[in-house]
């Protein structure tokens, strides 16, 4: 079991907004069952961690207009291709649209919101690193959110490259790309950049960190 020091730990909740997790408005929706699982597990984990003084940082994708998404050559190439699951990216999370709203059960007035994410990596073009280091003094990150095999994966690799300790909350991540991609991403991170733990294992690791001399 790893020991996680709660005094230097923060949660990074990646794109846990209606644009993925509310099928009624989502432009890049997860299956309804995955939405329910991630929201339920995330709600319980966040509530418990907040009581221990561990901050939650929500990183939200937001574009001023479609050109900000379509400036990526691959995303432009697959735009509106019905054979590609992510073809709706050109309409995804336009500023002030319902999709940019964080799922209400997951957000608290104490949380920090970083809402300028435009690519898979949560650090790219945002002030996430500043918030984590200068505001929260975080050295270990618990990653949750969507999609396991893109935004969570890219952020885990970048956080590892910045020498954060990285924990992926396996109960609180999912993908629109299917179980094979979800499982592959978790296995990949577990052998390269992160500890992949269930919620109960995260809490046990925090308990061990509290007891560390």
Protein backbone atom coordinates (compact mmCIF):
# COMPACT_ATOMS: atom_id res chain seq x y z
CA UNK A 1 0.00 0.00 0.00
CA UNK A 2 1.24 3.48 -0.84
CA UNK A 3 1.05 6.26 1.72
CA UNK A 4 -0.67 9.45 0.58
CA UNK A 5 -0.05 12.57 2.63
CA UNK A 6 -3.42 14.38 2.84
CA UNK A 7 -1.66 17.68 3.57
CA UNK A 8 -0.09 17.77 0.11
CA UNK A 9 -2.83 16.07 -1.92
CA UNK A 10 -5.44 17.53 -4.27
CA UNK A 11 -8.14 16.05 -6.47
CA UNK A 12 -8.17 17.02 -10.15
CA UNK A 13 -11.65 16.40 -11.54
CA UNK A 14 -11.31 16.31 -15.32
CA UNK A 15 -14.28 17.37 -17.48
CA UNK A 16 -16.89 16.16 -15.02
CA UNK A 17 -19.39 18.42 -16.72
CA UNK A 18 -22.73 17.99 -18.46
CA UNK A 19 -21.00 17.89 -21.85
CA UNK A 20 -19.97 14.31 -21.05
CA UNK A 21 -22.02 13.19 -18.05
CA UNK A 22 -25.55 14.45 -18.78
CA UNK A 23 -26.88 12.55 -21.81
CA UNK A 24 -29.76 15.02 -22.14
CA UNK A 25 -27.41 17.79 -23.30
CA UNK A 26 -24.01 16.14 -23.83
CA UNK A 27 -22.25 16.67 -27.16
CA UNK A 28 -19.77 13.85 -26.40
CA UNK A 29 -21.82 11.65 -24.06
CA UNK A 30 -20.79 8.63 -22.08
CA UNK A 31 -23.21 5.70 -21.81
CA UNK A 32 -25.87 6.44 -19.21
CA UNK A 33 -24.64 3.68 -16.89
CA UNK A 34 -21.11 5.06 -16.97
CA UNK A 35 -22.48 8.52 -16.15
CA UNK A 36 -24.31 7.16 -13.11
CA UNK A 37 -21.26 5.22 -11.91
CA UNK A 38 -18.80 8.08 -12.25
CA UNK A 39 -21.12 10.65 -10.70
CA UNK A 40 -22.02 8.39 -7.77
CA UNK A 41 -18.46 7.31 -7.02
CA UNK A 42 -17.12 10.82 -7.51
CA UNK A 43 -19.71 12.36 -5.21
CA UNK A 44 -18.84 10.00 -2.38
CA UNK A 45 -15.09 10.33 -2.83
CA UNK A 46 -15.18 14.12 -3.02
CA UNK A 47 -17.38 14.41 0.07
CA UNK A 48 -15.05 12.23 2.09
CA UNK A 49 -11.88 13.95 0.92
CA UNK A 50 -13.26 17.43 1.57
CA UNK A 51 -13.90 16.45 5.19
CA UNK A 52 -10.20 15.65 5.43
CA UNK A 53 -9.21 19.04 4.08
CA UNK A 54 -8.25 17.78 0.63
CA UNK A 55 -9.16 20.32 -2.07
CA UNK A 56 -11.00 19.49 -5.28
CA UNK A 57 -9.99 21.27 -8.49
CA UNK A 58 -12.43 21.01 -11.41
CA UNK A 59 -10.91 21.42 -14.86
CA UNK A 60 -13.55 22.24 -17.47
CA UNK A 61 -13.28 22.34 -21.26
CA UNK A 62 -14.59 25.55 -22.83
CA UNK A 63 -14.25 26.99 -26.34
CA UNK A 64 -15.14 30.50 -27.49
CA UNK A 65 -16.19 29.14 -30.90
CA UNK A 66 -15.67 26.01 -33.02
CA UNK A 67 -12.50 27.36 -34.59
CA UNK A 68 -10.64 26.80 -31.30
CA UNK A 69 -11.39 23.10 -31.50
CA UNK A 70 -11.00 22.79 -35.27
CA UNK A 71 -7.55 24.38 -35.21
CA UNK A 72 -6.40 20.90 -34.23
CA UNK A 73 -5.77 19.12 -37.56
CA UNK A 74 -6.96 15.70 -36.45
CA UNK A 75 -10.12 17.02 -34.83
CA UNK A 76 -10.82 19.04 -37.99
CA UNK A 77 -10.32 15.95 -40.14
CA UNK A 78 -12.86 13.88 -38.19
CA UNK A 79 -15.41 16.66 -37.69
CA UNK A 80 -18.87 15.48 -38.67
CA UNK A 81 -17.58 12.04 -39.73
CA UNK A 82 -20.39 9.74 -38.54
CA UNK A 83 -17.95 6.84 -38.31
CA UNK A 84 -15.91 8.62 -35.62
CA UNK A 85 -17.25 8.73 -32.06
CA UNK A 86 -15.67 12.13 -31.46
CA UNK A 87 -16.99 13.77 -34.61
CA UNK A 88 -19.11 16.09 -32.45
CA UNK A 89 -16.01 17.79 -31.05
CA UNK A 90 -16.67 20.87 -33.18
CA UNK A 91 -19.85 21.51 -31.14
CA UNK A 92 -18.47 20.40 -27.80
CA UNK A 93 -18.62 22.72 -24.78
CA UNK A 94 -19.01 26.10 -26.39
CA UNK A 95 -18.65 28.85 -23.77
CA UNK A 96 -21.82 29.37 -21.68
CA UNK A 97 -23.48 26.26 -23.13
CA UNK A 98 -25.10 23.75 -20.75
CA UNK A 99 -22.29 21.30 -21.41
CA UNK A 100 -19.78 23.49 -19.57
CA UNK A 101 -21.74 23.22 -16.31
CA UNK A 102 -20.13 20.93 -13.73
CA UNK A 103 -22.46 18.15 -12.55
CA UNK A 104 -24.15 19.76 -9.50
CA UNK A 105 -23.65 16.75 -7.22
CA UNK A 106 -19.89 17.00 -7.73
CA UNK A 107 -19.19 20.66 -7.02
CA UNK A 108 -18.92 22.50 -3.71
CA UNK A 109 -18.36 26.15 -2.85
CA UNK A 110 -14.93 25.24 -1.48
CA UNK A 111 -13.75 23.80 -4.80
CA UNK A 112 -11.45 25.54 -7.28
CA UNK A 113 -12.49 25.78 -10.93
CA UNK A 114 -10.07 25.98 -13.87
CA UNK A 115 -12.27 26.57 -16.91
CA UNK A 116 -10.01 27.27 -19.90
CA UNK A 117 -9.07 23.72 -20.92
CA UNK A 118 -8.97 23.25 -24.69
CA UNK A 119 -6.94 20.07 -25.24
CA UNK A 120 -6.66 16.65 -23.65
CA UNK A 121 -3.82 17.67 -21.31
CA UNK A 122 -5.29 19.63 -18.38
CA UNK A 123 -2.04 21.55 -17.89
CA UNK A 124 -1.80 22.81 -21.46
CA UNK A 125 -2.92 26.44 -21.75
CA UNK A 126 -4.44 26.57 -18.25
CA UNK A 127 -3.29 27.79 -14.84
CA UNK A 128 -3.74 24.35 -13.27
CA UNK A 129 -0.07 24.00 -12.32
CA UNK A 130 -0.09 27.45 -10.70
CA UNK A 131 -3.20 26.58 -8.69
CA UNK A 132 -1.79 23.25 -7.55
CA UNK A 133 1.66 24.51 -6.60
CA UNK A 134 1.12 28.10 -5.47
CA UNK A 135 -2.39 28.03 -4.05
CA UNK A 136 -2.71 24.47 -2.77
CA UNK A 137 0.91 23.29 -2.27
CA UNK A 138 -0.07 19.96 -3.81
CA UNK A 139 2.47 17.29 -4.62
CA UNK A 140 0.13 14.31 -5.07
CA UNK A 141 -2.85 14.40 -7.44
CA UNK A 142 -5.91 12.16 -7.41
CA UNK A 143 -7.25 12.17 -10.97
CA UNK A 144 -10.93 11.56 -11.72
CA UNK A 145 -13.13 12.17 -14.74
CA UNK A 146 -13.47 11.75 -18.47
CA UNK A 147 -12.19 10.29 -20.78
CA UNK A 148 -9.94 7.60 -19.31
CA UNK A 149 -8.01 7.06 -22.54
CA UNK A 150 -7.57 10.70 -23.55
CA UNK A 151 -7.83 13.55 -21.03
CA UNK A 152 -7.16 11.45 -17.93
CA UNK A 153 -4.33 9.59 -19.67
CA UNK A 154 -2.67 12.72 -21.06
CA UNK A 155 -2.97 14.57 -17.76
CA UNK A 156 -1.52 11.63 -15.84
CA UNK A 157 1.53 11.54 -18.12
CA UNK A 158 2.04 15.30 -17.92
CA UNK A 159 1.62 15.33 -14.12
CA UNK A 160 4.16 12.54 -13.86
CA UNK A 161 6.57 14.49 -16.07
CA UNK A 162 6.19 17.43 -13.66
CA UNK A 163 7.08 15.10 -10.76
CA UNK A 164 3.71 15.00 -9.09
CA UNK A 165 2.71 11.75 -7.46
CA UNK A 166 -0.26 10.58 -9.52
CA UNK A 167 -3.18 8.46 -8.34
CA UNK A 168 -6.00 7.54 -10.73
CA UNK A 169 -9.32 6.91 -8.99
CA UNK A 170 -10.46 3.85 -10.96
CA UNK A 171 -14.05 4.07 -9.71
CA UNK A 172 -14.35 7.68 -10.86
CA UNK A 173 -13.11 7.52 -14.46
CA UNK A 174 -14.79 6.37 -17.66
CA UNK A 175 -14.71 6.83 -21.42
CA UNK A 176 -17.06 7.21 -24.35
CA UNK A 177 -14.74 4.93 -26.35
CA UNK A 178 -15.72 1.62 -24.80
CA UNK A 179 -14.52 -0.82 -22.17
CA UNK A 180 -11.48 -1.97 -24.14
CA UNK A 181 -10.04 1.54 -24.30
CA UNK A 182 -10.94 2.20 -20.66
CA UNK A 183 -9.19 -0.95 -19.46
CA UNK A 184 -6.17 -0.40 -21.68
CA UNK A 185 -5.72 3.16 -20.40
CA UNK A 186 -5.88 2.04 -16.77
CA UNK A 187 -3.34 -0.73 -17.39
CA UNK A 188 -1.07 1.62 -19.29
CA UNK A 189 -1.08 4.24 -16.53
CA UNK A 190 -0.59 1.60 -13.84
CA UNK A 191 2.68 0.40 -15.36
CA UNK A 192 4.05 3.77 -16.46
CA UNK A 193 2.97 6.84 -14.49
CA UNK A 194 0.36 6.30 -11.76
CA UNK A 195 -1.13 4.24 -8.99
CA UNK A 196 -4.57 3.09 -10.12
CA UNK A 197 -6.69 2.63 -7.00
CA UNK A 198 -10.31 2.09 -6.04
CA UNK A 199 -11.95 4.59 -3.72
CA UNK A 200 -11.50 2.36 -0.67
CA UNK A 201 -7.81 1.91 -1.49
CA UNK A 202 -7.36 5.69 -1.79
CA UNK A 203 -8.91 6.22 1.64
CA UNK A 204 -6.75 3.46 3.15
CA UNK A 205 -3.64 5.05 1.62
CA UNK A 206 -4.60 8.41 3.13
CA UNK A 207 -5.05 6.73 6.52
CA UNK A 208 -1.56 5.27 6.15
CA UNK A 209 -0.22 8.70 5.24
CA UNK A 210 -1.80 10.20 8.34
CA UNK A 211 0.00 7.59 10.48
CA UNK A 212 3.38 8.09 8.82
CA UNK A 213 6.06 9.51 11.14
